[in-house]
Amino acid sequence: MPDARVFFDGLSSSPRLDHPECVAVHPDGSVWCGGEAGQIFRVDPAGGSVEQVATTHGFVLGIAFDASASHLYICDIQHPGVFRLDLASGVVSLFADGADGHRFANPNYPVIDAEGRIYVSDSRRIDDPGPAVFRYVPDGTGEVWDERPMAFANGLALAPDGSALYVAESFLPGITRVEIRADGTAGGRSTVAELPGTVPDGIAFGPDGLLYVGLYEPSEVLRLAPDGRPETVVRDPTAHLLCHPTNLAFRGTTAFVANLGRWHISAFDL
C-alpha cells in the first residue's frame, strides 16, 4: 500500500487553502484547486508556493481544464452554475446555469470529453430529485443529458475509450456506469461497484486504466479492480494526511487528492 503525504500544506500559506474540494492538473504540472469562498488557487509543480488566480465569489466544487488548457470550468454551489475562467485574460464568466428548462440545484463536477463537450453532474437535494447529468458544447449550448435521478450524483469520469460516463453516487453509495451511445445520447445504466458504509465523492481513471475513488467517509482512496472489486489504496484512520478526501487527479503516476476537511493537498505514488 503506498504512503500518502502532504503535497502542499495551505494552513499557514498566504493565501491559505480554504478547504479545497477539487483538484486538477495543468499541462505545466501545476496543481489547481478551489476554495469555499470561490477562490481558484494554483500550486506550483513542486508544491512550494500558491497563488490565487481568480474567484467566483461563491463556493467552488469541481473544476476541469479543457483540452487546450486555455479555460478552466468551475462548478459553484453558492451561485448554482458552471463558470469559465479564461486563463489568458483572467476573466471569470458564467458559462451555464441549467438547460432545457431545468436550473442547476447543486452543480458538482465537470468533465470534458475528446470533442470538447462538458458533462456536469447535478447532485440536487434528497427531497428534490431531478436530472443528474447535463452536457454542453463550448459555446454554452446545453441539454439535459441524463434526466434520470441519481442518489446525489457527485464526481464524474469518462471511460478511457469514451464509451461510458462513470458517476459517483454518494448516497447509493457506489459507482454507476452510464453508456454513451454512438449518437452521443445516454444509454443504459449499471452499478459497477456498491460501497456500503462509505460516502464516495470524486473519481478518476489512473494511468493503469483502473478507476480510483475518493471517499469522503471514511478517509480513504479506493481502486476498483477489473471485476469491480474495491481495493484500498491509501487510508488514514486519523483523518490527518487524508481528511475527508473528495476529488483526485493524476500527473503521471502521482495522484493528487483534495481534502475538504483540512487545508492541504495530499499526494501518493502508484
C-alpha atoms as a PDB file:
ATOM      1  CA  MET A   1       0.000   0.000   0.000  1.00  0.00           C
ATOM      2  CA  PRO A   2       1.554   3.370  -0.984  1.00  0.00           C
ATOM      3  CA  ASP A   3       2.012   6.074   1.618  1.00  0.00           C
ATOM      4  CA  ALA A   4       0.073   9.307   1.418  1.00  0.00           C
ATOM      5  CA  ARG A   5       1.935  12.561   2.013  1.00  0.00           C
ATOM      6  CA  VAL A   6       1.182  16.264   2.132  1.00  0.00           C
ATOM      7  CA  PHE A   7       1.984  17.779  -1.260  1.00  0.00           C
ATOM      8  CA  PHE A   8       1.141  21.341  -0.218  1.00  0.00           C
ATOM      9  CA  ASP A   9       0.175  22.496   3.266  1.00  0.00           C
ATOM     10  CA  GLY A  10      -2.024  25.553   2.910  1.00  0.00           C
ATOM     11  CA  LEU A  11      -2.786  26.150   6.582  1.00  0.00           C
ATOM     12  CA  SER A  12      -0.122  28.821   7.031  1.00  0.00           C
ATOM     13  CA  SER A  13       0.341  29.880   3.421  1.00  0.00           C
ATOM     14  CA  SER A  14      -0.747  33.221   2.062  1.00  0.00           C
ATOM     15  CA  PRO A  15      -3.255  32.829   0.593  1.00  0.00           C
ATOM     16  CA  ARG A  16      -4.484  29.958   2.741  1.00  0.00           C
ATOM     17  CA  LEU A  17      -6.002  26.951   1.006  1.00  0.00           C
ATOM     18  CA  ASP A  18      -9.607  27.231   2.067  1.00  0.00           C
ATOM     19  CA  HIS A  19     -10.867  23.641   2.480  1.00  0.00           C
ATOM     20  CA  PRO A  20     -10.227  22.519  -1.113  1.00  0.00           C
ATOM     21  CA  GLU A  21     -12.950  20.265  -2.536  1.00  0.00           C
ATOM     22  CA  CYS A  22     -11.490  19.907  -6.013  1.00  0.00           C
ATOM     23  CA  VAL A  23      -8.177  19.394  -7.754  1.00  0.00           C
ATOM     24  CA  ALA A  24      -6.999  19.490 -11.381  1.00  0.00           C
ATOM     25  CA  VAL A  25      -3.580  19.223 -13.009  1.00  0.00           C
ATOM     26  CA  HIS A  26      -2.480  21.734 -15.656  1.00  0.00           C
ATOM     27  CA  PRO A  27      -0.202  20.558 -18.503  1.00  0.00           C
ATOM     28  CA  ASP A  28       2.634  22.632 -16.994  1.00  0.00           C
ATOM     29  CA  GLY A  29       2.490  20.363 -13.940  1.00  0.00           C
ATOM     30  CA  SER A  30       0.878  22.860 -11.596  1.00  0.00           C
ATOM     31  CA  VAL A  31      -1.921  21.666  -9.340  1.00  0.00           C
ATOM     32  CA  TRP A  32      -5.090  23.758  -9.171  1.00  0.00           C
ATOM     33  CA  CYS A  33      -7.857  23.686  -6.585  1.00  0.00           C
ATOM     34  CA  GLY A  34     -10.773  25.758  -5.328  1.00  0.00           C
ATOM     35  CA  GLY A  35     -11.871  27.262  -2.036  1.00  0.00           C
ATOM     36  CA  GLU A  36     -15.013  27.746  -0.009  1.00  0.00           C
ATOM     37  CA  ALA A  37     -15.080  31.489  -0.752  1.00  0.00           C
ATOM     38  CA  GLY A  38     -14.907  30.977  -4.510  1.00  0.00           C
ATOM     39  CA  GLN A  39     -11.136  31.115  -4.827  1.00  0.00           C
ATOM     40  CA  ILE A  40      -9.211  29.394  -7.616  1.00  0.00           C
ATOM     41  CA  PHE A  41      -5.695  28.506  -6.484  1.00  0.00           C
ATOM     42  CA  ARG A  42      -2.610  27.459  -8.427  1.00  0.00           C
ATOM     43  CA  VAL A  43       0.087  25.460  -6.611  1.00  0.00           C
ATOM     44  CA  ASP A  44       3.435  25.357  -8.415  1.00  0.00           C
ATOM     45  CA  PRO A  45       4.554  21.957  -9.756  1.00  0.00           C
ATOM     46  CA  ALA A  46       6.968  21.354  -6.870  1.00  0.00           C
ATOM     47  CA  GLY A  47       4.391  22.226  -4.221  1.00  0.00           C
ATOM     48  CA  GLY A  48       6.452  25.157  -2.975  1.00  0.00           C
ATOM     49  CA  SER A  49       4.058  28.081  -3.369  1.00  0.00           C
ATOM     50  CA  VAL A  50       0.448  29.007  -4.023  1.00  0.00           C
ATOM     51  CA  GLU A  51      -1.267  31.929  -5.711  1.00  0.00           C
ATOM     52  CA  GLN A  52      -4.895  32.907  -6.065  1.00  0.00           C
ATOM     53  CA  VAL A  53      -5.634  33.165  -9.768  1.00  0.00           C
ATOM     54  CA  ALA A  54      -9.318  34.115  -9.749  1.00  0.00           C
ATOM     55  CA  THR A  55     -12.581  33.904  -7.824  1.00  0.00           C
ATOM     56  CA  THR A  56     -16.256  33.203  -8.431  1.00  0.00           C
ATOM     57  CA  HIS A  57     -17.145  34.866  -5.104  1.00  0.00           C
ATOM     58  CA  GLY A  58     -19.080  31.711  -4.280  1.00  0.00           C
ATOM     59  CA  PHE A  59     -18.146  28.183  -3.149  1.00  0.00           C
ATOM     60  CA  VAL A  60     -16.128  26.118  -5.609  1.00  0.00           C
ATOM     61  CA  LEU A  61     -16.779  22.408  -6.078  1.00  0.00           C
ATOM     62  CA  GLY A  62     -15.398  20.528  -9.118  1.00  0.00           C
ATOM     63  CA  ILE A  63     -13.036  22.025 -11.717  1.00  0.00           C
ATOM     64  CA  ALA A  64     -11.698  20.798 -15.060  1.00  0.00           C
ATOM     65  CA  PHE A  65      -9.422  22.148 -17.792  1.00  0.00           C
ATOM     66  CA  ASP A  66     -10.400  21.920 -21.443  1.00  0.00           C
ATOM     67  CA  ALA A  67      -8.117  20.088 -23.879  1.00  0.00           C
ATOM     68  CA  SER A  68      -6.060  23.176 -24.687  1.00  0.00           C
ATOM     69  CA  ALA A  69      -5.875  24.183 -21.002  1.00  0.00           C
ATOM     70  CA  SER A  70      -6.925  27.679 -22.073  1.00  0.00           C
ATOM     71  CA  HIS A  71     -10.109  27.543 -19.990  1.00  0.00           C
ATOM     72  CA  LEU A  72     -10.965  26.173 -16.568  1.00  0.00           C
ATOM     73  CA  TYR A  73     -14.572  25.112 -15.959  1.00  0.00           C
ATOM     74  CA  ILE A  74     -15.759  25.634 -12.392  1.00  0.00           C
ATOM     75  CA  CYS A  75     -18.825  24.325 -10.554  1.00  0.00           C
ATOM     76  CA  ASP A  76     -20.118  26.713  -7.907  1.00  0.00           C
ATOM     77  CA  ILE A  77     -22.753  25.750  -5.352  1.00  0.00           C
ATOM     78  CA  GLN A  78     -23.342  29.189  -3.854  1.00  0.00           C
ATOM     79  CA  HIS A  79     -24.174  30.690  -7.252  1.00  0.00           C
ATOM     80  CA  PRO A  80     -25.572  27.494  -8.786  1.00  0.00           C
ATOM     81  CA  GLY A  81     -23.874  27.322 -12.136  1.00  0.00           C
ATOM     82  CA  VAL A  82     -20.786  26.484 -14.132  1.00  0.00           C
ATOM     83  CA  PHE A  83     -18.295  29.323 -14.542  1.00  0.00           C
ATOM     84  CA  ARG A  84     -15.468  29.540 -17.058  1.00  0.00           C
ATOM     85  CA  LEU A  85     -12.081  31.069 -16.371  1.00  0.00           C
ATOM     86  CA  ASP A  86     -10.157  32.354 -19.389  1.00  0.00           C
ATOM     87  CA  LEU A  87      -6.562  31.729 -18.375  1.00  0.00           C
ATOM     88  CA  ALA A  88      -5.152  34.304 -20.800  1.00  0.00           C
ATOM     89  CA  SER A  89      -7.243  37.214 -19.535  1.00  0.00           C
ATOM     90  CA  GLY A  90      -8.067  36.015 -16.027  1.00  0.00           C
ATOM     91  CA  VAL A  91     -11.750  36.760 -16.638  1.00  0.00           C
ATOM     92  CA  VAL A  92     -14.351  34.553 -14.920  1.00  0.00           C
ATOM     93  CA  SER A  93     -17.805  34.446 -16.512  1.00  0.00           C
ATOM     94  CA  LEU A  94     -20.972  32.419 -16.062  1.00  0.00           C
ATOM     95  CA  PHE A  95     -20.979  29.613 -18.608  1.00  0.00           C
ATOM     96  CA  ALA A  96     -24.262  27.855 -17.767  1.00  0.00           C
ATOM     97  CA  ASP A  97     -26.909  27.717 -15.057  1.00  0.00           C
ATOM     98  CA  GLY A  98     -29.018  24.879 -16.447  1.00  0.00           C
ATOM     99  CA  ALA A  99     -30.613  23.652 -19.664  1.00  0.00           C
ATOM    100  CA  ASP A 100     -33.920  22.501 -21.162  1.00  0.00           C
ATOM    101  CA  GLY A 101     -35.907  24.462 -18.595  1.00  0.00           C
ATOM    102  CA  HIS A 102     -34.067  22.913 -15.648  1.00  0.00           C
ATOM    103  CA  ARG A 103     -31.943  25.148 -13.413  1.00  0.00           C
ATOM    104  CA  PHE A 104     -28.993  23.727 -11.534  1.00  0.00           C
ATOM    105  CA  ALA A 105     -29.674  22.936  -7.893  1.00  0.00           C
ATOM    106  CA  ASN A 106     -26.190  21.743  -6.908  1.00  0.00           C
ATOM    107  CA  PRO A 107     -23.769  21.632  -9.865  1.00  0.00           C
ATOM    108  CA  ASN A 108     -20.990  19.462  -8.572  1.00  0.00           C
ATOM    109  CA  TYR A 109     -18.410  18.293 -11.077  1.00  0.00           C
ATOM    110  CA  PRO A 110     -17.455  18.883 -14.752  1.00  0.00           C
ATOM    111  CA  VAL A 111     -15.615  16.501 -17.049  1.00  0.00           C
ATOM    112  CA  ILE A 112     -14.700  17.159 -20.680  1.00  0.00           C
ATOM    113  CA  ASP A 113     -14.560  14.618 -23.499  1.00  0.00           C
ATOM    114  CA  ALA A 114     -12.288  14.427 -26.537  1.00  0.00           C
ATOM    115  CA  GLU A 115     -14.764  16.502 -28.585  1.00  0.00           C
ATOM    116  CA  GLY A 116     -14.728  19.305 -26.022  1.00  0.00           C
ATOM    117  CA  ARG A 117     -18.200  18.564 -24.674  1.00  0.00           C
ATOM    118  CA  ILE A 118     -18.657  19.319 -20.981  1.00  0.00           C
ATOM    119  CA  TYR A 119     -20.594  16.892 -18.794  1.00  0.00           C
ATOM    120  CA  VAL A 120     -21.798  18.291 -15.452  1.00  0.00           C
ATOM    121  CA  SER A 121     -23.300  16.421 -12.512  1.00  0.00           C
ATOM    122  CA  ASP A 122     -26.110  17.993 -10.508  1.00  0.00           C
ATOM    123  CA  SER A 123     -26.281  16.489  -7.019  1.00  0.00           C
ATOM    124  CA  ARG A 124     -29.568  18.261  -6.312  1.00  0.00           C
ATOM    125  CA  ARG A 125     -31.236  17.629  -2.937  1.00  0.00           C
ATOM    126  CA  ILE A 126     -32.634  14.473  -1.408  1.00  0.00           C
ATOM    127  CA  ASP A 127     -36.144  15.956  -1.315  1.00  0.00           C
ATOM    128  CA  ASP A 128     -35.906  17.354  -4.851  1.00  0.00           C
ATOM    129  CA  PRO A 129     -34.936  14.667  -7.381  1.00  0.00           C
ATOM    130  CA  GLY A 130     -34.247  15.731 -10.926  1.00  0.00           C
ATOM    131  CA  PRO A 131     -31.860  15.405 -13.878  1.00  0.00           C
ATOM    132  CA  ALA A 132     -28.494  14.041 -12.801  1.00  0.00           C
ATOM    133  CA  VAL A 133     -26.226  14.950 -15.735  1.00  0.00           C
ATOM    134  CA  PHE A 134     -26.157  17.906 -18.142  1.00  0.00           C
ATOM    135  CA  ARG A 135     -23.973  18.299 -21.237  1.00  0.00           C
ATOM    136  CA  TYR A 136     -22.715  21.402 -23.055  1.00  0.00           C
ATOM    137  CA  VAL A 137     -20.666  22.355 -26.070  1.00  0.00           C
ATOM    138  CA  PRO A 138     -18.036  25.106 -25.728  1.00  0.00           C
ATOM    139  CA  ASP A 139     -20.365  27.857 -26.998  1.00  0.00           C
ATOM    140  CA  GLY A 140     -22.605  27.258 -23.973  1.00  0.00           C
ATOM    141  CA  THR A 141     -25.397  25.401 -25.750  1.00  0.00           C
ATOM    142  CA  GLY A 142     -26.578  22.686 -23.407  1.00  0.00           C
ATOM    143  CA  GLU A 143     -29.031  19.917 -22.737  1.00  0.00           C
ATOM    144  CA  VAL A 144     -30.143  17.550 -20.041  1.00  0.00           C
ATOM    145  CA  TRP A 145     -28.042  14.528 -20.984  1.00  0.00           C
ATOM    146  CA  ASP A 146     -29.451  12.047 -18.466  1.00  0.00           C
ATOM    147  CA  GLU A 147     -32.781  13.028 -16.947  1.00  0.00           C
ATOM    148  CA  ARG A 148     -32.968  10.021 -14.648  1.00  0.00           C
ATOM    149  CA  PRO A 149     -32.422  10.945 -10.982  1.00  0.00           C
ATOM    150  CA  MET A 150     -29.464   9.620  -9.029  1.00  0.00           C
ATOM    151  CA  ALA A 151     -28.644   9.335  -5.337  1.00  0.00           C
ATOM    152  CA  PHE A 152     -26.514  12.522  -5.131  1.00  0.00           C
ATOM    153  CA  ALA A 153     -24.578  12.432  -8.407  1.00  0.00           C
ATOM    154  CA  ASN A 154     -21.111  13.632  -7.489  1.00  0.00           C
ATOM    155  CA  GLY A 155     -17.758  13.028  -9.211  1.00  0.00           C
ATOM    156  CA  LEU A 156     -17.580  12.087 -12.893  1.00  0.00           C
ATOM    157  CA  ALA A 157     -15.041  10.260 -15.031  1.00  0.00           C
ATOM    158  CA  LEU A 158     -15.104   9.330 -18.707  1.00  0.00           C
ATOM    159  CA  ALA A 159     -14.057   5.823 -19.673  1.00  0.00           C
ATOM    160  CA  PRO A 160     -10.654   5.946 -21.380  1.00  0.00           C
ATOM    161  CA  ASP A 161     -12.251   4.711 -24.618  1.00  0.00           C
ATOM    162  CA  GLY A 162     -15.108   7.222 -24.383  1.00  0.00           C
ATOM    163  CA  SER A 163     -17.743   4.503 -24.206  1.00  0.00           C
ATOM    164  CA  ALA A 164     -19.270   5.485 -20.870  1.00  0.00           C
ATOM    165  CA  LEU A 165     -19.581   8.093 -18.170  1.00  0.00           C
ATOM    166  CA  TYR A 166     -18.907   6.919 -14.631  1.00  0.00           C
ATOM    167  CA  VAL A 167     -20.731   8.670 -11.779  1.00  0.00           C
ATOM    168  CA  ALA A 168     -20.075   8.549  -8.049  1.00  0.00           C
ATOM    169  CA  GLU A 169     -23.462   8.301  -6.350  1.00  0.00           C
ATOM    170  CA  SER A 170     -22.638   9.394  -2.823  1.00  0.00           C
ATOM    171  CA  PHE A 171     -25.840   8.169  -1.214  1.00  0.00           C
ATOM    172  CA  LEU A 172     -26.217   4.935  -3.177  1.00  0.00           C
ATOM    173  CA  PRO A 173     -23.416   4.525  -2.164  1.00  0.00           C
ATOM    174  CA  GLY A 174     -21.480   3.313  -5.157  1.00  0.00           C
ATOM    175  CA  ILE A 175     -20.324   3.904  -8.714  1.00  0.00           C
ATOM    176  CA  THR A 176     -22.681   3.887 -11.705  1.00  0.00           C
ATOM    177  CA  ARG A 177     -21.751   3.449 -15.356  1.00  0.00           C
ATOM    178  CA  VAL A 178     -23.863   5.236 -17.976  1.00  0.00           C
ATOM    179  CA  GLU A 179     -23.390   4.053 -21.554  1.00  0.00           C
ATOM    180  CA  ILE A 180     -22.587   6.724 -24.145  1.00  0.00           C
ATOM    181  CA  ARG A 181     -24.306   5.532 -27.320  1.00  0.00           C
ATOM    182  CA  ALA A 182     -22.827   6.004 -30.783  1.00  0.00           C
ATOM    183  CA  ASP A 183     -25.068   9.043 -31.316  1.00  0.00           C
ATOM    184  CA  GLY A 184     -23.830  10.584 -28.049  1.00  0.00           C
ATOM    185  CA  THR A 185     -27.013  10.063 -26.048  1.00  0.00           C
ATOM    186  CA  ALA A 186     -27.188   8.438 -22.632  1.00  0.00           C
ATOM    187  CA  GLY A 187     -27.786   4.708 -22.730  1.00  0.00           C
ATOM    188  CA  GLY A 188     -28.211   2.007 -20.149  1.00  0.00           C
ATOM    189  CA  ARG A 189     -27.084   2.288 -16.571  1.00  0.00           C
ATOM    190  CA  SER A 190     -25.334  -0.311 -14.482  1.00  0.00           C
ATOM    191  CA  THR A 191     -23.874  -0.348 -10.983  1.00  0.00           C
ATOM    192  CA  VAL A 192     -20.197  -1.227 -11.249  1.00  0.00           C
ATOM    193  CA  ALA A 193     -19.477  -1.070  -7.524  1.00  0.00           C
ATOM    194  CA  GLU A 194     -21.540  -0.955  -4.366  1.00  0.00           C
ATOM    195  CA  LEU A 195     -19.665   0.629  -1.476  1.00  0.00           C
ATOM    196  CA  PRO A 196     -21.744   0.171   1.686  1.00  0.00           C
ATOM    197  CA  GLY A 197     -20.670   2.154   4.739  1.00  0.00           C
ATOM    198  CA  THR A 198     -18.874   4.794   2.667  1.00  0.00           C
ATOM    199  CA  VAL A 199     -19.517   8.164   1.012  1.00  0.00           C
ATOM    200  CA  PRO A 200     -17.849   8.129  -2.427  1.00  0.00           C
ATOM    201  CA  ASP A 201     -17.115  11.611  -3.751  1.00  0.00           C
ATOM    202  CA  GLY A 202     -14.547  12.016  -6.537  1.00  0.00           C
ATOM    203  CA  ILE A 203     -13.429   9.520  -9.174  1.00  0.00           C
ATOM    204  CA  ALA A 204     -10.664   9.428 -11.773  1.00  0.00           C
ATOM    205  CA  PHE A 205      -9.093   6.857 -14.051  1.00  0.00           C
ATOM    206  CA  GLY A 206      -5.431   6.270 -13.284  1.00  0.00           C
ATOM    207  CA  PRO A 207      -2.559   5.589 -15.679  1.00  0.00           C
ATOM    208  CA  ASP A 208      -3.170   1.873 -15.097  1.00  0.00           C
ATOM    209  CA  GLY A 209      -6.664   2.207 -16.597  1.00  0.00           C
ATOM    210  CA  LEU A 210      -8.362   1.496 -13.278  1.00  0.00           C
ATOM    211  CA  LEU A 211     -10.911   3.727 -11.570  1.00  0.00           C
ATOM    212  CA  TYR A 212      -9.864   5.426  -8.321  1.00  0.00           C
ATOM    213  CA  VAL A 213     -12.447   6.629  -5.809  1.00  0.00           C
ATOM    214  CA  GLY A 214     -12.012   9.301  -3.151  1.00  0.00           C
ATOM    215  CA  LEU A 215     -14.130   8.528  -0.095  1.00  0.00           C
ATOM    216  CA  TYR A 216     -15.336  11.494   1.906  1.00  0.00           C
ATOM    217  CA  GLU A 217     -16.038   8.967   4.634  1.00  0.00           C
ATOM    218  CA  PRO A 218     -14.056   7.103   5.798  1.00  0.00           C
ATOM    219  CA  SER A 219     -10.898   8.968   4.747  1.00  0.00           C
ATOM    220  CA  GLU A 220      -9.651   6.591   2.062  1.00  0.00           C
ATOM    221  CA  VAL A 221      -8.928   6.232  -1.622  1.00  0.00           C
ATOM    222  CA  LEU A 222     -10.113   3.023  -3.258  1.00  0.00           C
ATOM    223  CA  ARG A 223      -9.313   1.415  -6.587  1.00  0.00           C
ATOM    224  CA  LEU A 224     -11.769  -0.752  -8.494  1.00  0.00           C
ATOM    225  CA  ALA A 225     -10.275  -3.972  -9.794  1.00  0.00           C
ATOM    226  CA  PRO A 226     -11.323  -5.036 -13.321  1.00  0.00           C
ATOM    227  CA  ASP A 227     -14.084  -7.170 -11.769  1.00  0.00           C
ATOM    228  CA  GLY A 228     -15.391  -4.171  -9.817  1.00  0.00           C
ATOM    229  CA  ARG A 229     -13.973  -5.336  -6.503  1.00  0.00           C
ATOM    230  CA  PRO A 230     -12.872  -2.353  -4.355  1.00  0.00           C
ATOM    231  CA  GLU A 231      -9.312  -2.315  -3.054  1.00  0.00           C
ATOM    232  CA  THR A 232      -7.954   0.168  -0.510  1.00  0.00           C
ATOM    233  CA  VAL A 233      -5.049   2.158  -1.951  1.00  0.00           C
ATOM    234  CA  VAL A 234      -4.433   4.638   0.864  1.00  0.00           C
ATOM    235  CA  ARG A 235      -6.304   5.214   4.091  1.00  0.00           C
ATOM    236  CA  ASP A 236      -5.950   7.421   7.144  1.00  0.00           C
ATOM    237  CA  PRO A 237      -7.984   6.420  10.205  1.00  0.00           C
ATOM    238  CA  THR A 238      -6.739   9.565  11.973  1.00  0.00           C
ATOM    239  CA  ALA A 239      -8.079  11.840   9.177  1.00  0.00           C
ATOM    240  CA  HIS A 240      -4.811  13.781   9.123  1.00  0.00           C
ATOM    241  CA  LEU A 241      -2.896  13.171   5.884  1.00  0.00           C
ATOM    242  CA  LEU A 242      -6.230  12.301   4.279  1.00  0.00           C
ATOM    243  CA  CYS A 243      -9.106  14.244   5.791  1.00  0.00           C
ATOM    244  CA  HIS A 244     -12.449  13.756   4.066  1.00  0.00           C
ATOM    245  CA  PRO A 245     -10.828  13.391   0.639  1.00  0.00           C
ATOM    246  CA  THR A 246     -13.007  14.406  -2.254  1.00  0.00           C
ATOM    247  CA  ASN A 247     -11.720  14.802  -5.821  1.00  0.00           C
ATOM    248  CA  LEU A 248      -8.473  13.431  -7.171  1.00  0.00           C
ATOM    249  CA  ALA A 249      -6.372  13.910 -10.311  1.00  0.00           C
ATOM    250  CA  PHE A 250      -3.278  12.291 -11.772  1.00  0.00           C
ATOM    251  CA  ARG A 251       0.045  13.675 -13.002  1.00  0.00           C
ATOM    252  CA  GLY A 252       1.766  10.651 -14.449  1.00  0.00           C
ATOM    253  CA  THR A 253       1.805   8.018 -11.709  1.00  0.00           C
ATOM    254  CA  THR A 254       1.257  10.537  -8.904  1.00  0.00           C
ATOM    255  CA  ALA A 255      -2.245  11.104  -7.585  1.00  0.00           C
ATOM    256  CA  PHE A 256      -3.237  14.423  -6.007  1.00  0.00           C
ATOM    257  CA  VAL A 257      -6.154  14.464  -3.570  1.00  0.00           C
ATOM    258  CA  ALA A 258      -8.216  17.379  -2.264  1.00  0.00           C
ATOM    259  CA  ASN A 259      -9.090  17.314   1.452  1.00  0.00           C
ATOM    260  CA  LEU A 260     -12.335  19.089   2.207  1.00  0.00           C
ATOM    261  CA  GLY A 261     -11.754  18.592   5.928  1.00  0.00           C
ATOM    262  CA  ARG A 262      -8.424  20.445   6.128  1.00  0.00           C
ATOM    263  CA  TRP A 263      -6.206  22.927   4.281  1.00  0.00           C
ATOM    264  CA  HIS A 264      -3.877  20.786   2.198  1.00  0.00           C
ATOM    265  CA  ILE A 265      -3.475  18.751  -0.952  1.00  0.00           C
ATOM    266  CA  SER A 266      -2.298  15.183  -0.440  1.00  0.00           C
ATOM    267  CA  ALA A 267      -0.386  13.008  -2.869  1.00  0.00           C
ATOM    268  CA  PHE A 268       0.598   9.385  -3.282  1.00  0.00           C
ATOM    269  CA  ASP A 269       2.527   7.446  -5.919  1.00  0.00           C
ATOM    270  CA  LEU A 270       1.292   4.320  -7.621  1.00  0.00           C
END
